[in-house]
């Protein structure tokens, strides 16, 4: 258990070191729309990664079906105007602690360049700006997905080894 929750200032200080390689401001988070969904579904992953994350098409279906009885909004991640990633945000409007990032993926051709860290930073900034009452951002990771776990820990997400009903590890980031 963590003795001291991370504040937004702690988070911002931790992100500073990643801005040296490339600014997270290069990323734009945009809603998935009629005009960009076809480009978004072209996002591909390495074969071994597909077991860890729902496809973009599944994310779109979740947004339509809302399987968790919450608001669920799909987004694309743009780098210099090109869609290179996707995620959805499942949340309870006006809550303080029910904001879940899901389906996060970066196209395989853009992986290994530090874009994952920058994209996570952009998603966090976006959620905080769009949902000012948000105090905690959560996500889940498959136990075998060590790369993703390392990424989220590097961005100060913490886990208390709690799992959900699918045996995925729950990570949380305290932003306030």
Protein backbone atom coordinates (compact mmCIF):
# COMPACT_ATOMS: atom_id res chain seq x y z
CA UNK A 1 0.00 0.00 0.00
CA UNK A 2 1.23 3.48 -0.80
CA UNK A 3 1.64 5.70 2.22
CA UNK A 4 1.27 9.00 0.35
CA UNK A 5 -1.09 9.49 -2.60
CA UNK A 6 0.37 11.21 -5.63
CA UNK A 7 -0.89 14.70 -6.32
CA UNK A 8 -1.28 16.30 -9.72
CA UNK A 9 1.90 18.30 -9.03
CA UNK A 10 3.80 15.04 -8.41
CA UNK A 11 2.43 13.73 -11.70
CA UNK A 12 3.36 16.85 -13.64
CA UNK A 13 6.87 16.80 -12.20
CA UNK A 14 7.28 13.15 -13.23
CA UNK A 15 6.16 13.90 -16.79
CA UNK A 16 8.72 16.70 -17.20
CA UNK A 17 11.50 14.19 -17.85
CA UNK A 18 9.61 12.71 -20.80
CA UNK A 19 9.13 16.08 -22.46
CA UNK A 20 12.85 16.26 -23.25
CA UNK A 21 12.54 13.65 -26.02
CA UNK A 22 9.27 14.97 -27.47
CA UNK A 23 6.55 17.10 -25.99
CA UNK A 24 3.29 15.45 -24.98
CA UNK A 25 1.69 18.51 -26.49
CA UNK A 26 2.45 16.97 -29.90
CA UNK A 27 -0.43 14.59 -29.18
CA UNK A 28 -4.04 15.55 -29.64
CA UNK A 29 -6.91 13.59 -28.16
CA UNK A 30 -9.91 13.77 -30.47
CA UNK A 31 -13.32 12.13 -30.29
CA UNK A 32 -13.88 9.21 -32.63
CA UNK A 33 -16.23 10.53 -35.32
CA UNK A 34 -17.78 9.65 -38.67
CA UNK A 35 -14.87 11.36 -40.36
CA UNK A 36 -12.04 9.52 -38.56
CA UNK A 37 -13.32 6.07 -37.55
CA UNK A 38 -12.20 4.39 -40.77
CA UNK A 39 -8.65 5.57 -40.23
CA UNK A 40 -8.83 4.48 -36.58
CA UNK A 41 -9.84 0.90 -37.40
CA UNK A 42 -6.65 0.59 -39.49
CA UNK A 43 -4.58 0.68 -36.27
CA UNK A 44 -2.70 -2.61 -36.02
CA UNK A 45 -0.85 -4.32 -33.21
CA UNK A 46 1.82 -6.98 -33.13
CA UNK A 47 0.31 -10.47 -33.05
CA UNK A 48 1.39 -11.09 -29.45
CA UNK A 49 -0.28 -7.84 -28.30
CA UNK A 50 -3.77 -8.62 -29.63
CA UNK A 51 -4.60 -10.83 -26.65
CA UNK A 52 -4.10 -7.91 -24.27
CA UNK A 53 -6.35 -5.20 -25.69
CA UNK A 54 -9.71 -5.06 -27.46
CA UNK A 55 -9.59 -4.05 -31.10
CA UNK A 56 -10.61 -0.56 -32.14
CA UNK A 57 -13.78 -2.09 -33.62
CA UNK A 58 -14.58 -3.68 -30.24
CA UNK A 59 -14.01 -0.30 -28.58
CA UNK A 60 -16.47 1.29 -30.99
CA UNK A 61 -18.99 -1.45 -30.17
CA UNK A 62 -18.51 -0.82 -26.43
CA UNK A 63 -19.23 2.87 -27.00
CA UNK A 64 -22.48 1.98 -28.71
CA UNK A 65 -23.57 -0.84 -26.37
CA UNK A 66 -22.25 0.65 -23.11
CA UNK A 67 -21.77 -2.76 -21.43
CA UNK A 68 -20.83 -1.25 -18.06
CA UNK A 69 -23.89 1.02 -17.72
CA UNK A 70 -21.66 4.09 -17.69
CA UNK A 71 -20.76 6.80 -20.14
CA UNK A 72 -18.20 5.45 -22.59
CA UNK A 73 -16.50 7.71 -25.11
CA UNK A 74 -14.02 6.53 -27.78
CA UNK A 75 -11.07 8.71 -28.75
CA UNK A 76 -8.21 8.73 -31.22
CA UNK A 77 -4.69 9.87 -30.49
CA UNK A 78 -3.21 12.07 -33.18
CA UNK A 79 0.44 12.88 -33.65
CA UNK A 80 1.00 15.79 -36.02
CA UNK A 81 -2.44 15.22 -37.54
CA UNK A 82 -2.04 11.47 -38.08
CA UNK A 83 -4.05 8.94 -36.07
CA UNK A 84 -1.62 6.60 -34.36
CA UNK A 85 -3.61 5.41 -31.36
CA UNK A 86 -6.95 4.76 -29.74
CA UNK A 87 -8.55 4.48 -26.32
CA UNK A 88 -11.92 4.82 -24.68
CA UNK A 89 -12.93 6.41 -21.43
CA UNK A 90 -15.60 4.71 -19.34
CA UNK A 91 -16.86 6.89 -16.51
CA UNK A 92 -19.66 8.05 -14.27
CA UNK A 93 -20.29 11.72 -15.07
CA UNK A 94 -19.44 14.10 -12.22
CA UNK A 95 -17.88 11.36 -10.09
CA UNK A 96 -14.51 11.81 -8.44
CA UNK A 97 -13.13 8.29 -8.78
CA UNK A 98 -14.83 6.39 -11.60
CA UNK A 99 -12.78 7.20 -14.72
CA UNK A 100 -11.39 4.16 -16.52
CA UNK A 101 -9.04 4.18 -19.51
CA UNK A 102 -9.61 1.17 -21.73
CA UNK A 103 -8.55 -0.20 -25.07
CA UNK A 104 -5.39 1.93 -25.18
CA UNK A 105 -3.19 1.09 -28.12
CA UNK A 106 -0.55 2.63 -30.31
CA UNK A 107 -0.17 1.40 -33.88
CA UNK A 108 2.70 -1.09 -34.16
CA UNK A 109 4.57 1.16 -36.60
CA UNK A 110 4.82 3.88 -33.92
CA UNK A 111 5.80 1.67 -31.01
CA UNK A 112 9.25 1.74 -29.41
CA UNK A 113 9.68 5.50 -29.84
CA UNK A 114 8.39 6.74 -26.47
CA UNK A 115 4.98 7.62 -27.89
CA UNK A 116 3.22 5.37 -25.37
CA UNK A 117 4.40 7.51 -22.45
CA UNK A 118 3.53 10.69 -24.30
CA UNK A 119 0.10 9.36 -25.22
CA UNK A 120 -0.64 8.32 -21.62
CA UNK A 121 0.38 11.82 -20.50
CA UNK A 122 -1.92 13.36 -23.11
CA UNK A 123 -4.82 11.12 -22.05
CA UNK A 124 -4.33 12.07 -18.38
CA UNK A 125 -4.19 15.77 -19.24
CA UNK A 126 -7.31 15.41 -21.39
CA UNK A 127 -9.29 13.61 -18.68
CA UNK A 128 -8.31 16.14 -16.01
CA UNK A 129 -9.26 19.05 -18.29
CA UNK A 130 -12.51 17.51 -19.54
CA UNK A 131 -13.58 16.16 -16.12
CA UNK A 132 -12.47 18.64 -13.44
CA UNK A 133 -14.04 16.61 -10.61
CA UNK A 134 -11.86 13.59 -11.45
CA UNK A 135 -9.50 12.68 -8.62
CA UNK A 136 -8.55 9.14 -9.64
CA UNK A 137 -7.93 7.59 -13.06
CA UNK A 138 -7.99 3.80 -13.24
CA UNK A 139 -7.19 1.13 -15.80
CA UNK A 140 -6.62 -2.62 -15.94
CA UNK A 141 -3.78 -4.67 -17.36
CA UNK A 142 -3.49 -8.36 -18.13
CA UNK A 143 -1.01 -10.01 -15.70
CA UNK A 144 1.11 -11.22 -18.64
CA UNK A 145 1.38 -7.75 -20.20
CA UNK A 146 4.61 -6.73 -18.47
CA UNK A 147 5.40 -3.96 -20.99
CA UNK A 148 2.11 -2.18 -20.24
CA UNK A 149 2.57 -2.61 -16.49
CA UNK A 150 6.03 -1.04 -16.73
CA UNK A 151 4.64 1.82 -18.82
CA UNK A 152 1.89 2.64 -16.34
CA UNK A 153 4.21 2.37 -13.33
CA UNK A 154 6.63 4.75 -15.07
CA UNK A 155 3.73 7.22 -15.27
CA UNK A 156 3.10 6.80 -11.52
CA UNK A 157 0.06 4.56 -11.71
CA UNK A 158 0.07 2.24 -8.71
CA UNK A 159 -1.35 -1.19 -8.06
CA UNK A 160 -2.16 -2.83 -4.78
CA UNK A 161 -2.36 -6.21 -6.57
CA UNK A 162 -6.13 -5.90 -6.73
CA UNK A 163 -7.78 -7.60 -9.71
CA UNK A 164 -11.16 -7.31 -11.40
CA UNK A 165 -13.56 -10.15 -12.27
CA UNK A 166 -11.45 -10.93 -15.37
CA UNK A 167 -8.29 -11.31 -13.27
CA UNK A 168 -6.81 -8.12 -14.77
CA UNK A 169 -4.61 -6.05 -12.47
CA UNK A 170 -6.13 -2.70 -11.48
CA UNK A 171 -3.87 0.37 -11.61
CA UNK A 172 -4.82 3.79 -10.29
CA UNK A 173 -3.41 7.29 -10.58
CA UNK A 174 -4.36 9.82 -7.91
CA UNK A 175 -4.54 13.17 -9.70
CA UNK A 176 -5.90 15.34 -6.87
